[in-house]
mmCIF file of all heavy atoms, coordinates in Angstrom:
data_MODEL
# 
_entry.id   MODEL 
# 
loop_
_atom_site.group_PDB 
_atom_site.id 
_atom_site.type_symbol 
_atom_site.label_atom_id 
_atom_site.label_alt_id 
_atom_site.label_comp_id 
_atom_site.label_asym_id 
_atom_site.label_entity_id 
_atom_site.label_seq_id 
_atom_site.pdbx_PDB_ins_code 
_atom_site.Cartn_x 
_atom_site.Cartn_y 
_atom_site.Cartn_z 
_atom_site.occupancy 
_atom_site.B_iso_or_equiv 
_atom_site.pdbx_formal_charge 
_atom_site.auth_seq_id 
_atom_site.auth_comp_id 
_atom_site.auth_asym_id 
_atom_site.auth_atom_id 
_atom_site.pdbx_PDB_model_num 
ATOM 1   N N   . LEU A 1 1  ? 6.642  -16.726 -12.448 1.00 0.00 ? 1  LEU A N   1 
ATOM 2   C CA  . LEU A 1 1  ? 6.507  -15.356 -12.343 1.00 0.00 ? 1  LEU A CA  1 
ATOM 3   C C   . LEU A 1 1  ? 6.236  -14.711 -13.798 1.00 0.00 ? 1  LEU A C   1 
ATOM 4   O O   . LEU A 1 1  ? 6.957  -15.025 -14.683 1.00 0.00 ? 1  LEU A O   1 
ATOM 5   C CB  . LEU A 1 1  ? 7.809  -14.689 -11.803 1.00 0.00 ? 1  LEU A CB  1 
ATOM 6   C CG  . LEU A 1 1  ? 8.334  -15.160 -10.484 1.00 0.00 ? 1  LEU A CG  1 
ATOM 7   C CD1 . LEU A 1 1  ? 9.666  -14.539 -10.126 1.00 0.00 ? 1  LEU A CD1 1 
ATOM 8   C CD2 . LEU A 1 1  ? 7.284  -14.964 -9.410  1.00 0.00 ? 1  LEU A CD2 1 
ATOM 9   N N   . LEU A 1 2  ? 5.202  -13.946 -13.887 1.00 0.00 ? 2  LEU A N   1 
ATOM 10  C CA  . LEU A 1 2  ? 4.949  -13.204 -15.101 1.00 0.00 ? 2  LEU A CA  1 
ATOM 11  C C   . LEU A 1 2  ? 5.087  -11.765 -14.931 1.00 0.00 ? 2  LEU A C   1 
ATOM 12  O O   . LEU A 1 2  ? 4.361  -11.110 -14.078 1.00 0.00 ? 2  LEU A O   1 
ATOM 13  C CB  . LEU A 1 2  ? 3.518  -13.578 -15.614 1.00 0.00 ? 2  LEU A CB  1 
ATOM 14  C CG  . LEU A 1 2  ? 3.110  -13.033 -16.960 1.00 0.00 ? 2  LEU A CG  1 
ATOM 15  C CD1 . LEU A 1 2  ? 2.167  -13.973 -17.642 1.00 0.00 ? 2  LEU A CD1 1 
ATOM 16  C CD2 . LEU A 1 2  ? 2.505  -11.662 -16.910 1.00 0.00 ? 2  LEU A CD2 1 
ATOM 17  N N   . MET A 1 3  ? 5.989  -11.081 -15.719 1.00 0.00 ? 3  MET A N   1 
ATOM 18  C CA  . MET A 1 3  ? 6.102  -9.628  -15.537 1.00 0.00 ? 3  MET A CA  1 
ATOM 19  C C   . MET A 1 3  ? 5.116  -9.044  -16.498 1.00 0.00 ? 3  MET A C   1 
ATOM 20  O O   . MET A 1 3  ? 5.123  -9.355  -17.694 1.00 0.00 ? 3  MET A O   1 
ATOM 21  C CB  . MET A 1 3  ? 7.564  -9.236  -15.946 1.00 0.00 ? 3  MET A CB  1 
ATOM 22  C CG  . MET A 1 3  ? 7.700  -7.721  -15.745 1.00 0.00 ? 3  MET A CG  1 
ATOM 23  S SD  . MET A 1 3  ? 9.427  -7.178  -15.738 1.00 0.00 ? 3  MET A SD  1 
ATOM 24  C CE  . MET A 1 3  ? 9.972  -7.685  -14.053 1.00 0.00 ? 3  MET A CE  1 
ATOM 25  N N   . PHE A 1 4  ? 4.299  -8.105  -15.976 1.00 0.00 ? 4  PHE A N   1 
ATOM 26  C CA  . PHE A 1 4  ? 3.290  -7.396  -16.723 1.00 0.00 ? 4  PHE A CA  1 
ATOM 27  C C   . PHE A 1 4  ? 3.650  -5.955  -16.646 1.00 0.00 ? 4  PHE A C   1 
ATOM 28  O O   . PHE A 1 4  ? 3.537  -5.309  -15.643 1.00 0.00 ? 4  PHE A O   1 
ATOM 29  C CB  . PHE A 1 4  ? 1.949  -7.712  -16.034 1.00 0.00 ? 4  PHE A CB  1 
ATOM 30  C CG  . PHE A 1 4  ? 0.726  -7.258  -16.818 1.00 0.00 ? 4  PHE A CG  1 
ATOM 31  C CD1 . PHE A 1 4  ? 0.519  -7.573  -18.076 1.00 0.00 ? 4  PHE A CD1 1 
ATOM 32  C CD2 . PHE A 1 4  ? -0.250 -6.465  -16.160 1.00 0.00 ? 4  PHE A CD2 1 
ATOM 33  C CE1 . PHE A 1 4  ? -0.662 -7.204  -18.826 1.00 0.00 ? 4  PHE A CE1 1 
ATOM 34  C CE2 . PHE A 1 4  ? -1.370 -6.055  -16.811 1.00 0.00 ? 4  PHE A CE2 1 
ATOM 35  C CZ  . PHE A 1 4  ? -1.549 -6.407  -18.174 1.00 0.00 ? 4  PHE A CZ  1 
ATOM 36  N N   . THR A 1 5  ? 4.219  -5.425  -17.805 1.00 0.00 ? 5  THR A N   1 
ATOM 37  C CA  . THR A 1 5  ? 4.779  -4.124  -17.799 1.00 0.00 ? 5  THR A CA  1 
ATOM 38  C C   . THR A 1 5  ? 4.362  -3.234  -18.990 1.00 0.00 ? 5  THR A C   1 
ATOM 39  O O   . THR A 1 5  ? 3.993  -3.752  -20.042 1.00 0.00 ? 5  THR A O   1 
ATOM 40  C CB  . THR A 1 5  ? 6.302  -4.211  -17.732 1.00 0.00 ? 5  THR A CB  1 
ATOM 41  O OG1 . THR A 1 5  ? 6.942  -2.995  -17.744 1.00 0.00 ? 5  THR A OG1 1 
ATOM 42  C CG2 . THR A 1 5  ? 6.778  -4.990  -18.913 1.00 0.00 ? 5  THR A CG2 1 
ATOM 43  N N   . SER A 1 6  ? 4.458  -1.960  -18.767 1.00 0.00 ? 6  SER A N   1 
ATOM 44  C CA  . SER A 1 6  ? 4.232  -0.967  -19.797 1.00 0.00 ? 6  SER A CA  1 
ATOM 45  C C   . SER A 1 6  ? 5.470  -0.803  -20.699 1.00 0.00 ? 6  SER A C   1 
ATOM 46  O O   . SER A 1 6  ? 5.412  -0.181  -21.770 1.00 0.00 ? 6  SER A O   1 
ATOM 47  C CB  . SER A 1 6  ? 3.868  0.382   -19.257 1.00 0.00 ? 6  SER A CB  1 
ATOM 48  O OG  . SER A 1 6  ? 2.716  0.275   -18.506 1.00 0.00 ? 6  SER A OG  1 
ATOM 49  N N   . PHE A 1 7  ? 6.607  -1.281  -20.291 1.00 0.00 ? 7  PHE A N   1 
ATOM 50  C CA  . PHE A 1 7  ? 7.856  -0.983  -20.888 1.00 0.00 ? 7  PHE A CA  1 
ATOM 51  C C   . PHE A 1 7  ? 8.511  -2.138  -21.609 1.00 0.00 ? 7  PHE A C   1 
ATOM 52  O O   . PHE A 1 7  ? 9.756  -2.257  -21.638 1.00 0.00 ? 7  PHE A O   1 
ATOM 53  C CB  . PHE A 1 7  ? 8.852  -0.444  -19.896 1.00 0.00 ? 7  PHE A CB  1 
ATOM 54  C CG  . PHE A 1 7  ? 8.313  0.661   -18.944 1.00 0.00 ? 7  PHE A CG  1 
ATOM 55  C CD1 . PHE A 1 7  ? 7.919  0.442   -17.700 1.00 0.00 ? 7  PHE A CD1 1 
ATOM 56  C CD2 . PHE A 1 7  ? 8.146  1.921   -19.529 1.00 0.00 ? 7  PHE A CD2 1 
ATOM 57  C CE1 . PHE A 1 7  ? 7.424  1.418   -16.933 1.00 0.00 ? 7  PHE A CE1 1 
ATOM 58  C CE2 . PHE A 1 7  ? 7.556  2.929   -18.754 1.00 0.00 ? 7  PHE A CE2 1 
ATOM 59  C CZ  . PHE A 1 7  ? 7.229  2.706   -17.440 1.00 0.00 ? 7  PHE A CZ  1 
ATOM 60  N N   . LYS A 1 8  ? 7.781  -3.037  -22.216 1.00 0.00 ? 8  LYS A N   1 
ATOM 61  C CA  . LYS A 1 8  ? 8.361  -4.237  -22.795 1.00 0.00 ? 8  LYS A CA  1 
ATOM 62  C C   . LYS A 1 8  ? 9.238  -3.924  -24.069 1.00 0.00 ? 8  LYS A C   1 
ATOM 63  O O   . LYS A 1 8  ? 8.740  -3.257  -24.989 1.00 0.00 ? 8  LYS A O   1 
ATOM 64  C CB  . LYS A 1 8  ? 7.238  -5.239  -23.202 1.00 0.00 ? 8  LYS A CB  1 
ATOM 65  C CG  . LYS A 1 8  ? 7.806  -6.587  -23.685 1.00 0.00 ? 8  LYS A CG  1 
ATOM 66  C CD  . LYS A 1 8  ? 6.694  -7.506  -24.101 1.00 0.00 ? 8  LYS A CD  1 
ATOM 67  C CE  . LYS A 1 8  ? 7.272  -8.745  -24.720 1.00 0.00 ? 8  LYS A CE  1 
ATOM 68  N NZ  . LYS A 1 8  ? 6.189  -9.696  -25.133 1.00 0.00 ? 8  LYS A NZ  1 
ATOM 69  N N   . THR A 1 9  ? 10.470 -4.333  -23.981 1.00 0.00 ? 9  THR A N   1 
ATOM 70  C CA  . THR A 1 9  ? 11.447 -4.240  -25.050 1.00 0.00 ? 9  THR A CA  1 
ATOM 71  C C   . THR A 1 9  ? 12.137 -5.554  -25.113 1.00 0.00 ? 9  THR A C   1 
ATOM 72  O O   . THR A 1 9  ? 12.170 -6.314  -24.120 1.00 0.00 ? 9  THR A O   1 
ATOM 73  C CB  . THR A 1 9  ? 12.467 -3.070  -24.878 1.00 0.00 ? 9  THR A CB  1 
ATOM 74  O OG1 . THR A 1 9  ? 13.195 -3.436  -23.763 1.00 0.00 ? 9  THR A OG1 1 
ATOM 75  C CG2 . THR A 1 9  ? 11.739 -1.694  -24.720 1.00 0.00 ? 9  THR A CG2 1 
ATOM 76  N N   . PRO A 1 10 ? 12.846 -5.905  -26.191 1.00 0.00 ? 10 PRO A N   1 
ATOM 77  C CA  . PRO A 1 10 ? 13.614 -7.120  -26.161 1.00 0.00 ? 10 PRO A CA  1 
ATOM 78  C C   . PRO A 1 10 ? 14.671 -7.104  -25.061 1.00 0.00 ? 10 PRO A C   1 
ATOM 79  O O   . PRO A 1 10 ? 14.919 -8.171  -24.462 1.00 0.00 ? 10 PRO A O   1 
ATOM 80  C CB  . PRO A 1 10 ? 14.304 -7.080  -27.539 1.00 0.00 ? 10 PRO A CB  1 
ATOM 81  C CG  . PRO A 1 10 ? 13.399 -6.308  -28.453 1.00 0.00 ? 10 PRO A CG  1 
ATOM 82  C CD  . PRO A 1 10 ? 12.845 -5.219  -27.487 1.00 0.00 ? 10 PRO A CD  1 
ATOM 83  N N   . GLN A 1 11 ? 15.334 -5.975  -24.782 1.00 0.00 ? 11 GLN A N   1 
ATOM 84  C CA  . GLN A 1 11 ? 16.329 -5.940  -23.697 1.00 0.00 ? 11 GLN A CA  1 
ATOM 85  C C   . GLN A 1 11 ? 15.691 -6.164  -22.292 1.00 0.00 ? 11 GLN A C   1 
ATOM 86  O O   . GLN A 1 11 ? 16.184 -6.891  -21.510 1.00 0.00 ? 11 GLN A O   1 
ATOM 87  C CB  . GLN A 1 11 ? 17.075 -4.611  -23.673 1.00 0.00 ? 11 GLN A CB  1 
ATOM 88  C CG  . GLN A 1 11 ? 18.136 -4.451  -22.663 1.00 0.00 ? 11 GLN A CG  1 
ATOM 89  C CD  . GLN A 1 11 ? 19.242 -5.572  -22.691 1.00 0.00 ? 11 GLN A CD  1 
ATOM 90  O OE1 . GLN A 1 11 ? 19.639 -5.983  -23.892 1.00 0.00 ? 11 GLN A OE1 1 
ATOM 91  N NE2 . GLN A 1 11 ? 19.759 -5.976  -21.599 1.00 0.00 ? 11 GLN A NE2 1 
ATOM 92  N N   . LEU A 1 12 ? 14.459 -5.531  -22.106 1.00 0.00 ? 12 LEU A N   1 
ATOM 93  C CA  . LEU A 1 12 ? 13.845 -5.707  -20.802 1.00 0.00 ? 12 LEU A CA  1 
ATOM 94  C C   . LEU A 1 12 ? 13.424 -7.160  -20.640 1.00 0.00 ? 12 LEU A C   1 
ATOM 95  O O   . LEU A 1 12 ? 13.507 -7.715  -19.614 1.00 0.00 ? 12 LEU A O   1 
ATOM 96  C CB  . LEU A 1 12 ? 12.596 -4.859  -20.760 1.00 0.00 ? 12 LEU A CB  1 
ATOM 97  C CG  . LEU A 1 12 ? 11.794 -4.927  -19.436 1.00 0.00 ? 12 LEU A CG  1 
ATOM 98  C CD1 . LEU A 1 12 ? 11.410 -3.636  -18.945 1.00 0.00 ? 12 LEU A CD1 1 
ATOM 99  C CD2 . LEU A 1 12 ? 10.635 -5.909  -19.663 1.00 0.00 ? 12 LEU A CD2 1 
ATOM 100 N N   . GLU A 1 13 ? 12.922 -7.740  -21.712 1.00 0.00 ? 13 GLU A N   1 
ATOM 101 C CA  . GLU A 1 13 ? 12.478 -9.126  -21.626 1.00 0.00 ? 13 GLU A CA  1 
ATOM 102 C C   . GLU A 1 13 ? 13.624 -10.043 -21.327 1.00 0.00 ? 13 GLU A C   1 
ATOM 103 O O   . GLU A 1 13 ? 13.510 -10.936 -20.480 1.00 0.00 ? 13 GLU A O   1 
ATOM 104 C CB  . GLU A 1 13 ? 11.811 -9.583  -22.949 1.00 0.00 ? 13 GLU A CB  1 
ATOM 105 C CG  . GLU A 1 13 ? 11.192 -11.006 -22.861 1.00 0.00 ? 13 GLU A CG  1 
ATOM 106 C CD  . GLU A 1 13 ? 10.285 -11.307 -24.042 1.00 0.00 ? 13 GLU A CD  1 
ATOM 107 O OE1 . GLU A 1 13 ? 10.313 -10.484 -25.067 1.00 0.00 ? 13 GLU A OE1 1 
ATOM 108 O OE2 . GLU A 1 13 ? 9.581  -12.284 -23.987 1.00 0.00 ? 13 GLU A OE2 1 
ATOM 109 N N   . LYS A 1 14 ? 14.792 -9.827  -21.919 1.00 0.00 ? 14 LYS A N   1 
ATOM 110 C CA  . LYS A 1 14 ? 15.944 -10.642 -21.644 1.00 0.00 ? 14 LYS A CA  1 
ATOM 111 C C   . LYS A 1 14 ? 16.383 -10.432 -20.261 1.00 0.00 ? 14 LYS A C   1 
ATOM 112 O O   . LYS A 1 14 ? 16.711 -11.472 -19.583 1.00 0.00 ? 14 LYS A O   1 
ATOM 113 C CB  . LYS A 1 14 ? 17.125 -10.140 -22.611 1.00 0.00 ? 14 LYS A CB  1 
ATOM 114 C CG  . LYS A 1 14 ? 18.387 -10.929 -22.468 1.00 0.00 ? 14 LYS A CG  1 
ATOM 115 C CD  . LYS A 1 14 ? 19.457 -10.355 -23.428 1.00 0.00 ? 14 LYS A CD  1 
ATOM 116 C CE  . LYS A 1 14 ? 20.768 -11.055 -23.234 1.00 0.00 ? 14 LYS A CE  1 
ATOM 117 N NZ  . LYS A 1 14 ? 21.753 -10.582 -24.163 1.00 0.00 ? 14 LYS A NZ  1 
ATOM 118 N N   . GLU A 1 15 ? 16.382 -9.205  -19.725 1.00 0.00 ? 15 GLU A N   1 
ATOM 119 C CA  . GLU A 1 15 ? 16.672 -9.025  -18.301 1.00 0.00 ? 15 GLU A CA  1 
ATOM 120 C C   . GLU A 1 15 ? 15.720 -9.629  -17.371 1.00 0.00 ? 15 GLU A C   1 
ATOM 121 O O   . GLU A 1 15 ? 16.106 -10.263 -16.314 1.00 0.00 ? 15 GLU A O   1 
ATOM 122 C CB  . GLU A 1 15 ? 16.836 -7.503  -18.041 1.00 0.00 ? 15 GLU A CB  1 
ATOM 123 C CG  . GLU A 1 15 ? 17.484 -7.216  -16.656 1.00 0.00 ? 15 GLU A CG  1 
ATOM 124 C CD  . GLU A 1 15 ? 17.893 -5.756  -16.416 1.00 0.00 ? 15 GLU A CD  1 
ATOM 125 O OE1 . GLU A 1 15 ? 17.886 -4.978  -17.385 1.00 0.00 ? 15 GLU A OE1 1 
ATOM 126 O OE2 . GLU A 1 15 ? 18.155 -5.472  -15.236 1.00 0.00 ? 15 GLU A OE2 1 
ATOM 127 N N   . ALA A 1 16 ? 14.474 -9.482  -17.618 1.00 0.00 ? 16 ALA A N   1 
ATOM 128 C CA  . ALA A 1 16 ? 13.428 -10.159 -16.798 1.00 0.00 ? 16 ALA A CA  1 
ATOM 129 C C   . ALA A 1 16 ? 13.559 -11.638 -16.695 1.00 0.00 ? 16 ALA A C   1 
ATOM 130 O O   . ALA A 1 16 ? 13.473 -12.248 -15.609 1.00 0.00 ? 16 ALA A O   1 
ATOM 131 C CB  . ALA A 1 16 ? 11.978 -9.786  -17.287 1.00 0.00 ? 16 ALA A CB  1 
ATOM 132 N N   . LEU A 1 17 ? 13.913 -12.260 -17.840 1.00 0.00 ? 17 LEU A N   1 
ATOM 133 C CA  . LEU A 1 17 ? 14.053 -13.732 -17.883 1.00 0.00 ? 17 LEU A CA  1 
ATOM 134 C C   . LEU A 1 17 ? 15.278 -14.118 -17.065 1.00 0.00 ? 17 LEU A C   1 
ATOM 135 O O   . LEU A 1 17 ? 15.284 -15.080 -16.313 1.00 0.00 ? 17 LEU A O   1 
ATOM 136 C CB  . LEU A 1 17 ? 14.115 -14.176 -19.270 1.00 0.00 ? 17 LEU A CB  1 
ATOM 137 C CG  . LEU A 1 17 ? 12.868 -14.082 -20.137 1.00 0.00 ? 17 LEU A CG  1 
ATOM 138 C CD1 . LEU A 1 17 ? 13.070 -14.465 -21.588 1.00 0.00 ? 17 LEU A CD1 1 
ATOM 139 C CD2 . LEU A 1 17 ? 11.650 -14.812 -19.553 1.00 0.00 ? 17 LEU A CD2 1 
ATOM 140 N N   . ALA A 1 18 ? 16.305 -13.299 -17.150 1.00 0.00 ? 18 ALA A N   1 
ATOM 141 C CA  . ALA A 1 18 ? 17.586 -13.508 -16.362 1.00 0.00 ? 18 ALA A CA  1 
ATOM 142 C C   . ALA A 1 18 ? 17.366 -13.430 -14.874 1.00 0.00 ? 18 ALA A C   1 
ATOM 143 O O   . ALA A 1 18 ? 18.057 -14.084 -14.161 1.00 0.00 ? 18 ALA A O   1 
ATOM 144 C CB  . ALA A 1 18 ? 18.677 -12.651 -16.889 1.00 0.00 ? 18 ALA A CB  1 
ATOM 145 N N   . CYS A 1 19 ? 16.422 -12.583 -14.504 1.00 0.00 ? 19 CYS A N   1 
ATOM 146 C CA  . CYS A 1 19 ? 16.123 -12.355 -13.113 1.00 0.00 ? 19 CYS A CA  1 
ATOM 147 C C   . CYS A 1 19 ? 15.195 -13.405 -12.487 1.00 0.00 ? 19 CYS A C   1 
ATOM 148 O O   . CYS A 1 19 ? 14.919 -13.439 -11.363 1.00 0.00 ? 19 CYS A O   1 
ATOM 149 C CB  . CYS A 1 19 ? 15.451 -11.002 -12.896 1.00 0.00 ? 19 CYS A CB  1 
ATOM 150 S SG  . CYS A 1 19 ? 16.579 -9.637  -13.113 1.00 0.00 ? 19 CYS A SG  1 
ATOM 151 N N   . GLY A 1 20 ? 14.588 -14.280 -13.363 1.00 0.00 ? 20 GLY A N   1 
ATOM 152 C CA  . GLY A 1 20 ? 13.725 -15.306 -12.868 1.00 0.00 ? 20 GLY A CA  1 
ATOM 153 C C   . GLY A 1 20 ? 12.318 -15.290 -13.359 1.00 0.00 ? 20 GLY A C   1 
ATOM 154 O O   . GLY A 1 20 ? 11.501 -16.214 -13.023 1.00 0.00 ? 20 GLY A O   1 
ATOM 155 N N   . CYS A 1 21 ? 11.921 -14.253 -14.114 1.00 0.00 ? 21 CYS A N   1 
ATOM 156 C CA  . CYS A 1 21 ? 10.576 -14.240 -14.639 1.00 0.00 ? 21 CYS A CA  1 
ATOM 157 C C   . CYS A 1 21 ? 10.514 -15.347 -15.728 1.00 0.00 ? 21 CYS A C   1 
ATOM 158 O O   . CYS A 1 21 ? 11.419 -15.574 -16.420 1.00 0.00 ? 21 CYS A O   1 
ATOM 159 C CB  . CYS A 1 21 ? 10.280 -12.929 -15.251 1.00 0.00 ? 21 CYS A CB  1 
ATOM 160 S SG  . CYS A 1 21 ? 10.081 -11.569 -13.973 1.00 0.00 ? 21 CYS A SG  1 
ATOM 161 N N   . ASN A 1 22 ? 9.339  -15.898 -15.863 1.00 0.00 ? 22 ASN A N   1 
ATOM 162 C CA  . ASN A 1 22 ? 9.123  -16.996 -16.830 1.00 0.00 ? 22 ASN A CA  1 
ATOM 163 C C   . ASN A 1 22 ? 8.493  -16.412 -18.110 1.00 0.00 ? 22 ASN A C   1 
ATOM 164 O O   . ASN A 1 22 ? 8.465  -17.195 -19.103 1.00 0.00 ? 22 ASN A O   1 
ATOM 165 C CB  . ASN A 1 22 ? 8.227  -18.046 -16.222 1.00 0.00 ? 22 ASN A CB  1 
ATOM 166 C CG  . ASN A 1 22 ? 8.831  -18.594 -15.012 1.00 0.00 ? 22 ASN A CG  1 
ATOM 167 O OD1 . ASN A 1 22 ? 8.539  -18.141 -13.810 1.00 0.00 ? 22 ASN A OD1 1 
ATOM 168 N ND2 . ASN A 1 22 ? 9.713  -19.593 -15.136 1.00 0.00 ? 22 ASN A ND2 1 
ATOM 169 N N   . ALA A 1 23 ? 7.931  -15.227 -18.067 1.00 0.00 ? 23 ALA A N   1 
ATOM 170 C CA  . ALA A 1 23 ? 7.252  -14.635 -19.198 1.00 0.00 ? 23 ALA A CA  1 
ATOM 171 C C   . ALA A 1 23 ? 7.185  -13.133 -18.955 1.00 0.00 ? 23 ALA A C   1 
ATOM 172 O O   . ALA A 1 23 ? 7.145  -12.692 -17.829 1.00 0.00 ? 23 ALA A O   1 
ATOM 173 C CB  . ALA A 1 23 ? 5.895  -15.218 -19.443 1.00 0.00 ? 23 ALA A CB  1 
ATOM 174 N N   . VAL A 1 24 ? 7.106  -12.408 -20.088 1.00 0.00 ? 24 VAL A N   1 
ATOM 175 C CA  . VAL A 1 24 ? 6.874  -10.939 -19.976 1.00 0.00 ? 24 VAL A CA  1 
ATOM 176 C C   . VAL A 1 24 ? 5.729  -10.590 -20.947 1.00 0.00 ? 24 VAL A C   1 
ATOM 177 O O   . VAL A 1 24 ? 5.778  -10.997 -22.105 1.00 0.00 ? 24 VAL A O   1 
ATOM 178 C CB  . VAL A 1 24 ? 8.182  -10.120 -20.397 1.00 0.00 ? 24 VAL A CB  1 
ATOM 179 C CG1 . VAL A 1 24 ? 7.922  -8.636  -20.303 1.00 0.00 ? 24 VAL A CG1 1 
ATOM 180 C CG2 . VAL A 1 24 ? 9.319  -10.569 -19.514 1.00 0.00 ? 24 VAL A CG2 1 
ATOM 181 N N   . VAL A 1 25 ? 4.801  -9.854  -20.503 1.00 0.00 ? 25 VAL A N   1 
ATOM 182 C CA  . VAL A 1 25 ? 3.659  -9.424  -21.248 1.00 0.00 ? 25 VAL A CA  1 
ATOM 183 C C   . VAL A 1 25 ? 3.480  -7.957  -21.079 1.00 0.00 ? 25 VAL A C   1 
ATOM 184 O O   . VAL A 1 25 ? 3.609  -7.342  -19.977 1.00 0.00 ? 25 VAL A O   1 
ATOM 185 C CB  . VAL A 1 25 ? 2.334  -10.139 -20.870 1.00 0.00 ? 25 VAL A CB  1 
ATOM 186 C CG1 . VAL A 1 25 ? 1.152  -9.527  -21.660 1.00 0.00 ? 25 VAL A CG1 1 
ATOM 187 C CG2 . VAL A 1 25 ? 2.439  -11.641 -21.002 1.00 0.00 ? 25 VAL A CG2 1 
ATOM 188 N N   . SER A 1 26 ? 3.263  -7.227  -22.219 1.00 0.00 ? 26 SER A N   1 
ATOM 189 C CA  . SER A 1 26 ? 3.093  -5.811  -22.172 1.00 0.00 ? 26 SER A CA  1 
ATOM 190 C C   . SER A 1 26 ? 1.660  -5.473  -21.797 1.00 0.00 ? 26 SER A C   1 
ATOM 191 O O   . SER A 1 26 ? 0.706  -6.174  -22.225 1.00 0.00 ? 26 SER A O   1 
ATOM 192 C CB  . SER A 1 26 ? 3.354  -5.189  -23.562 1.00 0.00 ? 26 SER A CB  1 
ATOM 193 O OG  . SER A 1 26 ? 2.985  -3.790  -23.617 1.00 0.00 ? 26 SER A OG  1 
# 
């Protein structure tokens, strides 16, 4: 799962990874 978001922050990335996303890209 790759989260593709407008709101990327270190906290959001940490939460996304904790929820099961494998990567976060702004």
